[in-house]
């Protein structure tokens, strides 16, 4: 009889762990909002509002723009397309990405500001 009780106690102790593990496995985990890859930067709008006037700054000097980004849409910005103030292009073969700043205006009027890495631009 005591062996049966131990079995039930064991089941009661393990059941919450099994349920929690099942819920954790089924939970939908969002990717990072900004992802830096070898050839481009990906920006995902994970909000419910559309964004406009998107600016993507890499290493505080190189800029790329996009007119809009809808909810759940991903913007791919090629690193080679980024340009600094005097027309220099980002050379991904000679430079590493150390920081990304994304600014935009949401359709609800809120300012959007996302960062990745080390950003000095305010």
PDB file of N, CA and C in Angstrom:
ATOM      1  N   UNK A   1       0.811  -1.181   0.000  1.00  0.00           N
ATOM      2  CA  UNK A   1       0.000   0.000   0.000  1.00  0.00           C
ATOM      3  C   UNK A   1       0.863   1.257   0.000  1.00  0.00           C
ATOM      4  N   UNK A   2       1.955   1.228   0.811  1.00  0.00           N
ATOM      5  CA  UNK A   2       2.801   2.410   0.839  1.00  0.00           C
ATOM      6  C   UNK A   2       3.484   2.622  -0.504  1.00  0.00           C
ATOM      7  N   UNK A   3       3.754   1.544  -1.259  1.00  0.00           N
ATOM      8  CA  UNK A   3       4.338   1.683  -2.586  1.00  0.00           C
ATOM      9  C   UNK A   3       3.389   2.406  -3.533  1.00  0.00           C
ATOM     10  N   UNK A   4       2.097   2.142  -3.424  1.00  0.00           N
ATOM     11  CA  UNK A   4       1.105   2.814  -4.245  1.00  0.00           C
ATOM     12  C   UNK A   4       1.042   4.284  -3.889  1.00  0.00           C
ATOM     13  N   UNK A   5       1.098   4.592  -2.595  1.00  0.00           N
ATOM     14  CA  UNK A   5       1.063   5.992  -2.171  1.00  0.00           C
ATOM     15  C   UNK A   5       2.276   6.739  -2.709  1.00  0.00           C
ATOM     16  N   UNK A   6       3.435   6.092  -2.652  1.00  0.00           N
ATOM     17  CA  UNK A   6       4.643   6.730  -3.184  1.00  0.00           C
ATOM     18  C   UNK A   6       4.481   6.983  -4.670  1.00  0.00           C
ATOM     19  N   UNK A   7       3.863   6.053  -5.391  1.00  0.00           N
ATOM     20  CA  UNK A   7       3.637   6.242  -6.821  1.00  0.00           C
ATOM     21  C   UNK A   7       2.749   7.444  -7.081  1.00  0.00           C
ATOM     22  N   UNK A   8       1.666   7.600  -6.325  1.00  0.00           N
ATOM     23  CA  UNK A   8       0.767   8.738  -6.488  1.00  0.00           C
ATOM     24  C   UNK A   8       1.477  10.043  -6.133  1.00  0.00           C
ATOM     25  N   UNK A   9       2.275   9.979  -5.051  1.00  0.00           N
ATOM     26  CA  UNK A   9       3.033  11.175  -4.663  1.00  0.00           C
ATOM     27  C   UNK A   9       4.013  11.583  -5.750  1.00  0.00           C
ATOM     28  N   UNK A  10       4.616  10.574  -6.366  1.00  0.00           N
ATOM     29  CA  UNK A  10       5.545  10.844  -7.454  1.00  0.00           C
ATOM     30  C   UNK A  10       4.819  11.454  -8.651  1.00  0.00           C
ATOM     31  N   UNK A  11       3.642  10.909  -8.974  1.00  0.00           N
ATOM     32  CA  UNK A  11       2.856  11.445 -10.078  1.00  0.00           C
ATOM     33  C   UNK A  11       2.446  12.877  -9.779  1.00  0.00           C
ATOM     34  N   UNK A  12       2.018  13.143  -8.558  1.00  0.00           N
ATOM     35  CA  UNK A  12       1.616  14.502  -8.185  1.00  0.00           C
ATOM     36  C   UNK A  12       2.795  15.466  -8.259  1.00  0.00           C
ATOM     37  N   UNK A  13       3.975  14.998  -7.965  1.00  0.00           N
ATOM     38  CA  UNK A  13       5.156  15.857  -8.009  1.00  0.00           C
ATOM     39  C   UNK A  13       5.620  16.101  -9.440  1.00  0.00           C
ATOM     40  N   UNK A  14       5.495  15.099 -10.303  1.00  0.00           N
ATOM     41  CA  UNK A  14       5.989  15.220 -11.669  1.00  0.00           C
ATOM     42  C   UNK A  14       4.986  15.905 -12.582  1.00  0.00           C
ATOM     43  N   UNK A  15       3.692  15.728 -12.353  1.00  0.00           N
ATOM     44  CA  UNK A  15       2.667  16.255 -13.244  1.00  0.00           C
ATOM     45  C   UNK A  15       2.802  17.754 -13.504  1.00  0.00           C
ATOM     46  N   UNK A  16       2.980  18.606 -12.477  1.00  0.00           N
ATOM     47  CA  UNK A  16       3.132  20.041 -12.782  1.00  0.00           C
ATOM     48  C   UNK A  16       4.353  20.338 -13.655  1.00  0.00           C
ATOM     49  N   UNK A  17       5.423  19.594 -13.472  1.00  0.00           N
ATOM     50  CA  UNK A  17       6.623  19.797 -14.276  1.00  0.00           C
ATOM     51  C   UNK A  17       6.348  19.420 -15.731  1.00  0.00           C
ATOM     52  N   UNK A  18       5.653  18.316 -15.957  1.00  0.00           N
ATOM     53  CA  UNK A  18       5.329  17.880 -17.308  1.00  0.00           C
ATOM     54  C   UNK A  18       4.398  18.885 -17.977  1.00  0.00           C
ATOM     55  N   UNK A  19       3.384  19.369 -17.259  1.00  0.00           N
ATOM     56  CA  UNK A  19       2.453  20.357 -17.810  1.00  0.00           C
ATOM     57  C   UNK A  19       3.195  21.640 -18.140  1.00  0.00           C
ATOM     58  N   UNK A  20       4.056  22.119 -17.249  1.00  0.00           N
ATOM     59  CA  UNK A  20       4.809  23.345 -17.485  1.00  0.00           C
ATOM     60  C   UNK A  20       5.713  23.187 -18.711  1.00  0.00           C
ATOM     61  N   UNK A  21       6.372  22.035 -18.839  1.00  0.00           N
ATOM     62  CA  UNK A  21       7.259  21.799 -19.982  1.00  0.00           C
ATOM     63  C   UNK A  21       6.460  21.790 -21.280  1.00  0.00           C
ATOM     64  N   UNK A  22       5.264  21.215 -21.256  1.00  0.00           N
ATOM     65  CA  UNK A  22       4.414  21.204 -22.441  1.00  0.00           C
ATOM     66  C   UNK A  22       3.976  22.600 -22.837  1.00  0.00           C
ATOM     67  N   UNK A  23       3.610  23.422 -21.867  1.00  0.00           N
ATOM     68  CA  UNK A  23       3.204  24.801 -22.148  1.00  0.00           C
ATOM     69  C   UNK A  23       4.388  25.589 -22.676  1.00  0.00           C
ATOM     70  N   UNK A  24       5.551  25.423 -22.089  1.00  0.00           N
ATOM     71  CA  UNK A  24       6.746  26.147 -22.536  1.00  0.00           C
ATOM     72  C   UNK A  24       7.116  25.742 -23.962  1.00  0.00           C
ATOM     73  N   UNK A  25       6.956  24.481 -24.304  1.00  0.00           N
ATOM     74  CA  UNK A  25       7.289  24.021 -25.651  1.00  0.00           C
ATOM     75  C   UNK A  25       6.313  24.571 -26.686  1.00  0.00           C
ATOM     76  N   UNK A  26       5.064  24.776 -26.283  1.00  0.00           N
ATOM     77  CA  UNK A  26       4.045  25.264 -27.214  1.00  0.00           C
ATOM     78  C   UNK A  26       4.032  26.784 -27.327  1.00  0.00           C
ATOM     79  N   UNK A  27       4.667  27.471 -26.395  1.00  0.00           N
ATOM     80  CA  UNK A  27       4.662  28.932 -26.424  1.00  0.00           C
ATOM     81  C   UNK A  27       5.384  29.420 -27.678  1.00  0.00           C
ATOM     82  N   UNK A  28       4.821  30.418 -28.332  1.00  0.00           N
ATOM     83  CA  UNK A  28       5.403  30.971 -29.556  1.00  0.00           C
ATOM     84  C   UNK A  28       6.406  32.039 -29.159  1.00  0.00           C
ATOM     85  N   UNK A  29       7.666  31.761 -29.396  1.00  0.00           N
ATOM     86  CA  UNK A  29       8.723  32.704 -29.031  1.00  0.00           C
ATOM     87  C   UNK A  29       9.051  33.577 -30.230  1.00  0.00           C
ATOM     88  N   UNK A  30       8.966  34.894 -30.047  1.00  0.00           N
ATOM     89  CA  UNK A  30       9.248  35.833 -31.131  1.00  0.00           C
ATOM     90  C   UNK A  30      10.756  35.951 -31.349  1.00  0.00           C
ATOM     91  N   UNK A  31      11.161  36.106 -32.596  1.00  0.00           N
ATOM     92  CA  UNK A  31      12.585  36.337 -32.861  1.00  0.00           C
ATOM     93  C   UNK A  31      12.953  37.743 -32.388  1.00  0.00           C
ATOM     94  N   UNK A  32      14.239  38.039 -32.274  1.00  0.00           N
ATOM     95  CA  UNK A  32      14.635  39.399 -31.900  1.00  0.00           C
ATOM     96  C   UNK A  32      14.103  40.408 -32.914  1.00  0.00           C
ATOM     97  N   UNK A  33      13.777  41.603 -32.450  1.00  0.00           N
ATOM     98  CA  UNK A  33      13.253  42.645 -33.331  1.00  0.00           C
ATOM     99  C   UNK A  33      14.285  43.056 -34.368  1.00  0.00           C
ATOM    100  N   UNK A  34      15.554  43.119 -33.969  1.00  0.00           N
ATOM    101  CA  UNK A  34      16.646  43.445 -34.896  1.00  0.00           C
ATOM    102  C   UNK A  34      17.587  42.245 -34.950  1.00  0.00           C
ATOM    103  N   UNK A  35      17.880  41.812 -36.167  1.00  0.00           N
ATOM    104  CA  UNK A  35      18.840  40.730 -36.365  1.00  0.00           C
ATOM    105  C   UNK A  35      19.914  41.213 -37.338  1.00  0.00           C
ATOM    106  N   UNK A  36      21.158  41.026 -36.955  1.00  0.00           N
ATOM    107  CA  UNK A  36      22.275  41.400 -37.827  1.00  0.00           C
ATOM    108  C   UNK A  36      22.833  40.119 -38.430  1.00  0.00           C
ATOM    109  N   UNK A  37      22.810  40.083 -39.751  1.00  0.00           N
ATOM    110  CA  UNK A  37      23.352  38.927 -40.461  1.00  0.00           C
ATOM    111  C   UNK A  37      24.591  39.359 -41.245  1.00  0.00           C
ATOM    112  N   UNK A  38      25.203  38.449 -41.948  1.00  0.00           N
ATOM    113  CA  UNK A  38      26.447  38.747 -42.666  1.00  0.00           C
ATOM    114  C   UNK A  38      26.258  39.807 -43.751  1.00  0.00           C
ATOM    115  N   UNK A  39      25.133  39.780 -44.444  1.00  0.00           N
ATOM    116  CA  UNK A  39      24.941  40.682 -45.573  1.00  0.00           C
ATOM    117  C   UNK A  39      23.875  41.748 -45.360  1.00  0.00           C
ATOM    118  N   UNK A  40      23.067  41.607 -44.301  1.00  0.00           N
ATOM    119  CA  UNK A  40      21.968  42.558 -44.107  1.00  0.00           C
ATOM    120  C   UNK A  40      21.546  42.652 -42.651  1.00  0.00           C
ATOM    121  N   UNK A  41      20.675  43.616 -42.407  1.00  0.00           N
ATOM    122  CA  UNK A  41      20.059  43.807 -41.097  1.00  0.00           C
ATOM    123  C   UNK A  41      18.563  43.577 -41.285  1.00  0.00           C
ATOM    124  N   UNK A  42      17.977  42.757 -40.430  1.00  0.00           N
ATOM    125  CA  UNK A  42      16.542  42.504 -40.475  1.00  0.00           C
ATOM    126  C   UNK A  42      15.869  43.235 -39.324  1.00  0.00           C
ATOM    127  N   UNK A  43      14.769  43.910 -39.626  1.00  0.00           N
ATOM    128  CA  UNK A  43      13.986  44.612 -38.623  1.00  0.00           C
ATOM    129  C   UNK A  43      12.555  44.106 -38.738  1.00  0.00           C
ATOM    130  N   UNK A  44      12.008  43.586 -37.643  1.00  0.00           N
ATOM    131  CA  UNK A  44      10.639  43.088 -37.666  1.00  0.00           C
ATOM    132  C   UNK A  44       9.748  43.980 -36.818  1.00  0.00           C
ATOM    133  N   UNK A  45       8.631  44.401 -37.398  1.00  0.00           N
ATOM    134  CA  UNK A  45       7.630  45.173 -36.664  1.00  0.00           C
ATOM    135  C   UNK A  45       6.774  44.185 -35.887  1.00  0.00           C
ATOM    136  N   UNK A  46       7.021  44.080 -34.586  1.00  0.00           N
ATOM    137  CA  UNK A  46       6.294  43.140 -33.739  1.00  0.00           C
ATOM    138  C   UNK A  46       5.162  43.826 -32.983  1.00  0.00           C
ATOM    139  N   UNK A  47       4.774  45.024 -33.428  1.00  0.00           N
ATOM    140  CA  UNK A  47       3.669  45.741 -32.800  1.00  0.00           C
ATOM    141  C   UNK A  47       2.412  45.575 -33.649  1.00  0.00           C
ATOM    142  N   UNK A  48       1.315  46.130 -33.177  1.00  0.00           N
ATOM    143  CA  UNK A  48       0.054  46.081 -33.921  1.00  0.00           C
ATOM    144  C   UNK A  48      -0.150  47.318 -34.798  1.00  0.00           C
ATOM    145  N   UNK A  49       0.783  48.276 -34.735  1.00  0.00           N
ATOM    146  CA  UNK A  49       0.682  49.524 -35.497  1.00  0.00           C
ATOM    147  C   UNK A  49       1.666  49.514 -36.663  1.00  0.00           C
ATOM    148  N   UNK A  50       1.246  50.096 -37.786  1.00  0.00           N
ATOM    149  CA  UNK A  50       2.148  50.256 -38.933  1.00  0.00           C
ATOM    150  C   UNK A  50       3.163  51.342 -38.608  1.00  0.00           C
ATOM    151  N   UNK A  51       4.362  51.223 -39.165  1.00  0.00           N
ATOM    152  CA  UNK A  51       5.406  52.222 -38.965  1.00  0.00           C
ATOM    153  C   UNK A  51       5.630  52.967 -40.269  1.00  0.00           C
ATOM    154  N   UNK A  52       5.995  54.237 -40.157  1.00  0.00           N
ATOM    155  CA  UNK A  52       6.358  55.029 -41.343  1.00  0.00           C
ATOM    156  C   UNK A  52       7.637  55.799 -41.049  1.00  0.00           C
ATOM    157  N   UNK A  53       8.284  56.260 -42.116  1.00  0.00           N
ATOM    158  CA  UNK A  53       9.512  57.036 -41.960  1.00  0.00           C
ATOM    159  C   UNK A  53      10.607  56.280 -41.247  1.00  0.00           C
ATOM    160  N   UNK A  54      10.827  55.039 -41.617  1.00  0.00           N
ATOM    161  CA  UNK A  54      11.803  54.197 -40.925  1.00  0.00           C
ATOM    162  C   UNK A  54      13.214  54.598 -41.320  1.00  0.00           C
ATOM    163  N   UNK A  55      14.066  54.783 -40.316  1.00  0.00           N
ATOM    164  CA  UNK A  55      15.494  55.013 -40.520  1.00  0.00           C
ATOM    165  C   UNK A  55      16.258  53.927 -39.781  1.00  0.00           C
ATOM    166  N   UNK A  56      17.205  53.331 -40.471  1.00  0.00           N
ATOM    167  CA  UNK A  56      18.070  52.318 -39.873  1.00  0.00           C
ATOM    168  C   UNK A  56      19.488  52.860 -39.898  1.00  0.00           C
ATOM    169  N   UNK A  57      20.049  53.081 -38.724  1.00  0.00           N
ATOM    170  CA  UNK A  57      21.421  53.593 -38.590  1.00  0.00           C
ATOM    171  C   UNK A  57      22.320  52.451 -38.132  1.00  0.00           C
ATOM    172  N   UNK A  58      23.424  52.253 -38.832  1.00  0.00           N
ATOM    173  CA  UNK A  58      24.403  51.235 -38.469  1.00  0.00           C
ATOM    174  C   UNK A  58      25.699  51.941 -38.099  1.00  0.00           C
ATOM    175  N   UNK A  59      26.246  51.575 -36.962  1.00  0.00           N
ATOM    176  CA  UNK A  59      27.500  52.146 -36.450  1.00  0.00           C
ATOM    177  C   UNK A  59      27.441  53.678 -36.362  1.00  0.00           C
ATOM    178  N   UNK A  60      26.274  54.224 -36.083  1.00  0.00           N
ATOM    179  CA  UNK A  60      26.048  55.654 -35.854  1.00  0.00           C
ATOM    180  C   UNK A  60      26.233  56.543 -37.082  1.00  0.00           C
ATOM    181  N   UNK A  61      26.725  56.032 -38.193  1.00  0.00           N
ATOM    182  CA  UNK A  61      27.032  56.883 -39.343  1.00  0.00           C
ATOM    183  C   UNK A  61      26.348  56.464 -40.643  1.00  0.00           C
ATOM    184  N   UNK A  62      26.079  55.197 -40.796  1.00  0.00           N
ATOM    185  CA  UNK A  62      25.548  54.685 -42.056  1.00  0.00           C
ATOM    186  C   UNK A  62      24.038  54.526 -41.944  1.00  0.00           C
ATOM    187  N   UNK A  63      23.316  55.061 -42.928  1.00  0.00           N
ATOM    188  CA  UNK A  63      21.856  55.160 -42.836  1.00  0.00           C
ATOM    189  C   UNK A  63      21.171  54.504 -44.020  1.00  0.00           C
ATOM    190  N   UNK A  64      20.044  53.874 -43.715  1.00  0.00           N
ATOM    191  CA  UNK A  64      19.141  53.343 -44.724  1.00  0.00           C
ATOM    192  C   UNK A  64      17.730  53.747 -44.337  1.00  0.00           C
ATOM    193  N   UNK A  65      16.848  53.901 -45.313  1.00  0.00           N
ATOM    194  CA  UNK A  65      15.476  54.333 -45.037  1.00  0.00           C
ATOM    195  C   UNK A  65      14.485  53.411 -45.729  1.00  0.00           C
ATOM    196  N   UNK A  66      13.284  53.411 -45.188  1.00  0.00           N
ATOM    197  CA  UNK A  66      12.159  52.697 -45.795  1.00  0.00           C
ATOM    198  C   UNK A  66      10.898  53.497 -45.498  1.00  0.00           C
ATOM    199  N   UNK A  67       9.950  53.531 -46.429  1.00  0.00           N
ATOM    200  CA  UNK A  67       8.750  54.351 -46.219  1.00  0.00           C
ATOM    201  C   UNK A  67       7.803  53.788 -45.165  1.00  0.00           C
ATOM    202  N   UNK A  68       7.525  52.472 -45.209  1.00  0.00           N
ATOM    203  CA  UNK A  68       6.570  51.879 -44.258  1.00  0.00           C
ATOM    204  C   UNK A  68       6.978  50.464 -43.891  1.00  0.00           C
ATOM    205  N   UNK A  69       6.433  50.022 -42.769  1.00  0.00           N
ATOM    206  CA  UNK A  69       6.614  48.644 -42.319  1.00  0.00           C
ATOM    207  C   UNK A  69       5.343  48.244 -41.580  1.00  0.00           C
ATOM    208  N   UNK A  70       4.615  47.315 -42.134  1.00  0.00           N
ATOM    209  CA  UNK A  70       3.344  46.878 -41.563  1.00  0.00           C
ATOM    210  C   UNK A  70       3.575  45.940 -40.371  1.00  0.00           C
ATOM    211  N   UNK A  71       2.570  45.753 -39.508  1.00  0.00           N
ATOM    212  CA  UNK A  71       2.706  44.815 -38.385  1.00  0.00           C
ATOM    213  C   UNK A  71       3.101  43.416 -38.875  1.00  0.00           C
ATOM    214  N   UNK A  72       4.026  42.794 -38.180  1.00  0.00           N
ATOM    215  CA  UNK A  72       4.562  41.458 -38.469  1.00  0.00           C
ATOM    216  C   UNK A  72       5.388  41.386 -39.751  1.00  0.00           C
ATOM    217  N   UNK A  73       5.577  42.489 -40.426  1.00  0.00           N
ATOM    218  CA  UNK A  73       6.393  42.514 -41.640  1.00  0.00           C
ATOM    219  C   UNK A  73       7.866  42.641 -41.251  1.00  0.00           C
ATOM    220  N   UNK A  74       8.748  42.080 -42.073  1.00  0.00           N
ATOM    221  CA  UNK A  74      10.190  42.142 -41.838  1.00  0.00           C
ATOM    222  C   UNK A  74      10.836  42.985 -42.930  1.00  0.00           C
ATOM    223  N   UNK A  75      11.647  43.936 -42.505  1.00  0.00           N
ATOM    224  CA  UNK A  75      12.402  44.792 -43.418  1.00  0.00           C
ATOM    225  C   UNK A  75      13.825  44.264 -43.493  1.00  0.00           C
ATOM    226  N   UNK A  76      14.316  44.010 -44.699  1.00  0.00           N
ATOM    227  CA  UNK A  76      15.685  43.578 -44.905  1.00  0.00           C
ATOM    228  C   UNK A  76      16.468  44.748 -45.493  1.00  0.00           C
ATOM    229  N   UNK A  77      17.498  45.186 -44.778  1.00  0.00           N
ATOM    230  CA  UNK A  77      18.328  46.308 -45.224  1.00  0.00           C
ATOM    231  C   UNK A  77      19.712  45.763 -45.572  1.00  0.00           C
ATOM    232  N   UNK A  78      20.068  45.711 -46.857  1.00  0.00           N
ATOM    233  CA  UNK A  78      21.406  45.236 -47.228  1.00  0.00           C
ATOM    234  C   UNK A  78      22.481  46.182 -46.681  1.00  0.00           C
ATOM    235  N   UNK A  79      23.486  45.633 -46.053  1.00  0.00           N
ATOM    236  CA  UNK A  79      24.556  46.462 -45.492  1.00  0.00           C
ATOM    237  C   UNK A  79      25.245  47.280 -46.569  1.00  0.00           C
ATOM    238  N   UNK A  80      25.401  46.718 -47.749  1.00  0.00           N
ATOM    239  CA  UNK A  80      26.080  47.429 -48.844  1.00  0.00           C
ATOM    240  C   UNK A  80      25.285  48.634 -49.339  1.00  0.00           C
ATOM    241  N   UNK A  81      24.016  48.735 -48.985  1.00  0.00           N
ATOM    242  CA  UNK A  81      23.178  49.850 -49.435  1.00  0.00           C
ATOM    243  C   UNK A  81      23.199  51.028 -48.458  1.00  0.00           C
ATOM    244  N   UNK A  82      23.800  50.865 -47.289  1.00  0.00           N
ATOM    245  CA  UNK A  82      23.839  51.932 -46.296  1.00  0.00           C
ATOM    246  C   UNK A  82      24.870  52.989 -46.685  1.00  0.00           C
ATOM    247  N   UNK A  83      24.503  54.258 -46.484  1.00  0.00           N
ATOM    248  CA  UNK A  83      25.359  55.364 -46.918  1.00  0.00           C
ATOM    249  C   UNK A  83      25.562  56.346 -45.769  1.00  0.00           C
ATOM    250  N   UNK A  84      26.787  56.863 -45.636  1.00  0.00           N
ATOM    251  CA  UNK A  84      27.101  57.892 -44.642  1.00  0.00           C
ATOM    252  C   UNK A  84      26.837  59.275 -45.250  1.00  0.00           C
ATOM    253  N   UNK A  85      27.016  60.318 -44.455  1.00  0.00           N
ATOM    254  CA  UNK A  85      26.676  61.691 -44.857  1.00  0.00           C
ATOM    255  C   UNK A  85      27.415  62.161 -46.112  1.00  0.00           C
ATOM    256  N   UNK A  86      28.655  61.763 -46.290  1.00  0.00           N
ATOM    257  CA  UNK A  86      29.421  62.216 -47.449  1.00  0.00           C
ATOM    258  C   UNK A  86      29.458  61.186 -48.567  1.00  0.00           C
ATOM    259  N   UNK A  87      28.498  60.259 -48.567  1.00  0.00           N
ATOM    260  CA  UNK A  87      28.360  59.307 -49.657  1.00  0.00           C
ATOM    261  C   UNK A  87      29.146  58.011 -49.520  1.00  0.00           C
ATOM    262  N   UNK A  88      29.880  57.828 -48.414  1.00  0.00           N
ATOM    263  CA  UNK A  88      30.612  56.576 -48.246  1.00  0.00           C
ATOM    264  C   UNK A  88      29.622  55.447 -47.996  1.00  0.00           C
ATOM    265  N   UNK A  89      29.883  54.332 -48.631  1.00  0.00           N
ATOM    266  CA  UNK A  89      29.038  53.153 -48.434  1.00  0.00           C
ATOM    267  C   UNK A  89      29.655  52.257 -47.364  1.00  0.00           C
ATOM    268  N   UNK A  90      28.790  51.555 -46.647  1.00  0.00           N
ATOM    269  CA  UNK A  90      29.246  50.586 -45.657  1.00  0.00           C
ATOM    270  C   UNK A  90      29.881  49.419 -46.394  1.00  0.00           C
ATOM    271  N   UNK A  91      31.116  49.092 -46.044  1.00  0.00           N
ATOM    272  CA  UNK A  91      31.831  47.980 -46.673  1.00  0.00           C
ATOM    273  C   UNK A  91      31.874  46.830 -45.681  1.00  0.00           C
ATOM    274  N   UNK A  92      30.995  45.876 -45.855  1.00  0.00           N
ATOM    275  CA  UNK A  92      30.878  44.772 -44.898  1.00  0.00           C
ATOM    276  C   UNK A  92      32.111  43.877 -44.881  1.00  0.00           C
ATOM    277  N   UNK A  93      32.969  43.988 -45.893  1.00  0.00           N
ATOM    278  CA  UNK A  93      34.191  43.196 -45.930  1.00  0.00           C
ATOM    279  C   UNK A  93      35.297  43.837 -45.090  1.00  0.00           C
ATOM    280  N   UNK A  94      35.177  45.130 -44.804  1.00  0.00           N
ATOM    281  CA  UNK A  94      36.207  45.843 -44.051  1.00  0.00           C
ATOM    282  C   UNK A  94      35.719  46.350 -42.701  1.00  0.00           C
ATOM    283  N   UNK A  95      34.402  46.316 -42.481  1.00  0.00           N
ATOM    284  CA  UNK A  95      33.825  46.842 -41.244  1.00  0.00           C
ATOM    285  C   UNK A  95      32.921  45.808 -40.601  1.00  0.00           C
ATOM    286  N   UNK A  96      32.835  45.875 -39.291  1.00  0.00           N
ATOM    287  CA  UNK A  96      31.905  45.028 -38.545  1.00  0.00           C
ATOM    288  C   UNK A  96      30.768  45.900 -38.018  1.00  0.00           C
ATOM    289  N   UNK A  97      29.615  45.320 -37.852  1.00  0.00           N
ATOM    290  CA  UNK A  97      28.481  46.040 -37.271  1.00  0.00           C
ATOM    291  C   UNK A  97      28.600  45.952 -35.757  1.00  0.00           C
ATOM    292  N   UNK A  98      28.662  47.115 -35.091  1.00  0.00           N
ATOM    293  CA  UNK A  98      28.703  47.109 -33.632  1.00  0.00           C
ATOM    294  C   UNK A  98      27.452  47.708 -33.012  1.00  0.00           C
ATOM    295  N   UNK A  99      26.637  48.391 -33.811  1.00  0.00           N
ATOM    296  CA  UNK A  99      25.409  48.959 -33.269  1.00  0.00           C
ATOM    297  C   UNK A  99      24.396  49.278 -34.350  1.00  0.00           C
ATOM    298  N   UNK A 100      23.120  49.089 -34.022  1.00  0.00           N
ATOM    299  CA  UNK A 100      22.036  49.401 -34.949  1.00  0.00           C
ATOM    300  C   UNK A 100      20.973  50.185 -34.182  1.00  0.00           C
ATOM    301  N   UNK A 101      20.522  51.293 -34.772  1.00  0.00           N
ATOM    302  CA  UNK A 101      19.434  52.095 -34.224  1.00  0.00           C
ATOM    303  C   UNK A 101      18.341  52.176 -35.281  1.00  0.00           C
ATOM    304  N   UNK A 102      17.122  51.844 -34.896  1.00  0.00           N
ATOM    305  CA  UNK A 102      15.975  51.940 -35.791  1.00  0.00           C
ATOM    306  C   UNK A 102      15.008  52.957 -35.195  1.00  0.00           C
ATOM    307  N   UNK A 103      14.640  53.965 -35.993  1.00  0.00           N
ATOM    308  CA  UNK A 103      13.640  54.936 -35.564  1.00  0.00           C
ATOM    309  C   UNK A 103      12.519  54.961 -36.596  1.00  0.00           C
ATOM    310  N   UNK A 104      11.311  55.253 -36.123  1.00  0.00           N
ATOM    311  CA  UNK A 104      10.146  55.327 -37.000  1.00  0.00           C
ATOM    312  C   UNK A 104       9.023  56.024 -36.240  1.00  0.00           C
ATOM    313  N   UNK A 105       7.918  56.222 -36.934  1.00  0.00           N
ATOM    314  CA  UNK A 105       6.709  56.786 -36.323  1.00  0.00           C
ATOM    315  C   UNK A 105       5.606  55.748 -36.509  1.00  0.00           C
ATOM    316  N   UNK A 106       4.994  55.326 -35.399  1.00  0.00           N
ATOM    317  CA  UNK A 106       3.904  54.353 -35.467  1.00  0.00           C
ATOM    318  C   UNK A 106       2.616  55.041 -35.900  1.00  0.00           C
ATOM    319  N   UNK A 107       1.695  54.276 -36.465  1.00  0.00           N
ATOM    320  CA  UNK A 107       0.431  54.838 -36.946  1.00  0.00           C
ATOM    321  C   UNK A 107      -0.418  55.405 -35.822  1.00  0.00           C
ATOM    322  N   UNK A 108      -0.137  55.009 -34.579  1.00  0.00           N
ATOM    323  CA  UNK A 108      -0.859  55.575 -33.435  1.00  0.00           C
ATOM    324  C   UNK A 108      -0.193  56.849 -32.908  1.00  0.00           C
ATOM    325  N   UNK A 109       0.835  57.345 -33.614  1.00  0.00           N
ATOM    326  CA  UNK A 109       1.501  58.593 -33.245  1.00  0.00           C
ATOM    327  C   UNK A 109       2.701  58.441 -32.335  1.00  0.00           C
ATOM    328  N   UNK A 110       2.965  57.252 -31.855  1.00  0.00           N
ATOM    329  CA  UNK A 110       4.092  57.018 -30.951  1.00  0.00           C
ATOM    330  C   UNK A 110       5.401  56.925 -31.731  1.00  0.00           C
ATOM    331  N   UNK A 111       6.478  57.412 -31.115  1.00  0.00           N
ATOM    332  CA  UNK A 111       7.806  57.260 -31.699  1.00  0.00           C
ATOM    333  C   UNK A 111       8.301  55.840 -31.438  1.00  0.00           C
ATOM    334  N   UNK A 112       8.966  55.267 -32.414  1.00  0.00           N
ATOM    335  CA  UNK A 112       9.557  53.938 -32.290  1.00  0.00           C
ATOM    336  C   UNK A 112      11.062  54.118 -32.245  1.00  0.00           C
ATOM    337  N   UNK A 113      11.707  53.485 -31.279  1.00  0.00           N
ATOM    338  CA  UNK A 113      13.167  53.519 -31.160  1.00  0.00           C
ATOM    339  C   UNK A 113      13.622  52.144 -30.683  1.00  0.00           C
ATOM    340  N   UNK A 114      14.369  51.456 -31.533  1.00  0.00           N
ATOM    341  CA  UNK A 114      14.894  50.137 -31.219  1.00  0.00           C
ATOM    342  C   UNK A 114      16.402  50.161 -31.363  1.00  0.00           C
ATOM    343  N   UNK A 115      17.091  49.451 -30.504  1.00  0.00           N
ATOM    344  CA  UNK A 115      18.554  49.404 -30.595  1.00  0.00           C
ATOM    345  C   UNK A 115      19.047  47.965 -30.513  1.00  0.00           C
ATOM    346  N   UNK A 116      20.210  47.763 -31.101  1.00  0.00           N
ATOM    347  CA  UNK A 116      20.937  46.498 -31.038  1.00  0.00           C
ATOM    348  C   UNK A 116      22.401  46.858 -30.868  1.00  0.00           C
ATOM    349  N   UNK A 117      23.074  46.217 -29.942  1.00  0.00           N
ATOM    350  CA  UNK A 117      24.501  46.467 -29.756  1.00  0.00           C
ATOM    351  C   UNK A 117      24.771  47.808 -29.118  1.00  0.00           C
ATOM    352  N   UNK A 118      25.894  48.419 -29.508  1.00  0.00           N
ATOM    353  CA  UNK A 118      26.346  49.680 -28.921  1.00  0.00           C
ATOM    354  C   UNK A 118      25.958  50.841 -29.835  1.00  0.00           C
ATOM    355  N   UNK A 119      25.063  51.702 -29.340  1.00  0.00           N
ATOM    356  CA  UNK A 119      24.571  52.842 -30.107  1.00  0.00           C
ATOM    357  C   UNK A 119      24.893  54.112 -29.330  1.00  0.00           C
ATOM    358  N   UNK A 120      25.537  55.066 -29.994  1.00  0.00           N
ATOM    359  CA  UNK A 120      25.855  56.348 -29.355  1.00  0.00           C
ATOM    360  C   UNK A 120      24.934  57.472 -29.817  1.00  0.00           C
ATOM    361  N   UNK A 121      24.303  57.310 -30.972  1.00  0.00           N
ATOM    362  CA  UNK A 121      23.415  58.321 -31.521  1.00  0.00           C
ATOM    363  C   UNK A 121      22.206  58.495 -30.601  1.00  0.00           C
ATOM    364  N   UNK A 122      21.795  59.745 -30.379  1.00  0.00           N
ATOM    365  CA  UNK A 122      20.650  60.002 -29.482  1.00  0.00           C
ATOM    366  C   UNK A 122      19.371  60.172 -30.217  1.00  0.00           C
TER     367      UNK A 122
END
